[in-house]
């Protein structure tokens, strides 16, 4: 049988445990908060790098779209490079682009883009733009270099 004294002692012990748990939760929060902050900053940095990579890839696509309009634009490497760097210059500084063109025969054989290369089939001309930029992450991470090179590439068939 429980007496009033033993009930009071039980209530006091229960009250002490509740107060101890509140202090424990504060300590746990103090220990875990720095880990959450580091994870949040890492995620933000990763998101920024992905945004820049998408911009670099889109710049390559813009250069290829310019070059694929006709055979005349496909031969103008400087204009394709300019189209790519102009597209990426809004958010990305230091973007470099290189443009090339290459050919193949419709039957699958290789071609040097000369009209006499593909006997019995026609020449298919392609343009390719490669873009790259060096980016420094917001923070240094163990095992990763101080700067990362992000690249983009796009290839498109030239309108004939």
Foldseek 3Di string as FASTA:
>chain_A
DDDPVVVVVVVVVVVVVVVVVVVVVVVVCVVCVVVVVVVVLVVVLVVVVVVLLVQQQVLQVQLQVQLQAAVVSVVCFVSSQVSSCVSSVPPAPPKGKGKDKAKQWPVGHGDRPDQPGHPPTGIWMKMKMKMKDKAAGPDDDPPDDRIDIRMHMDMDIHDD
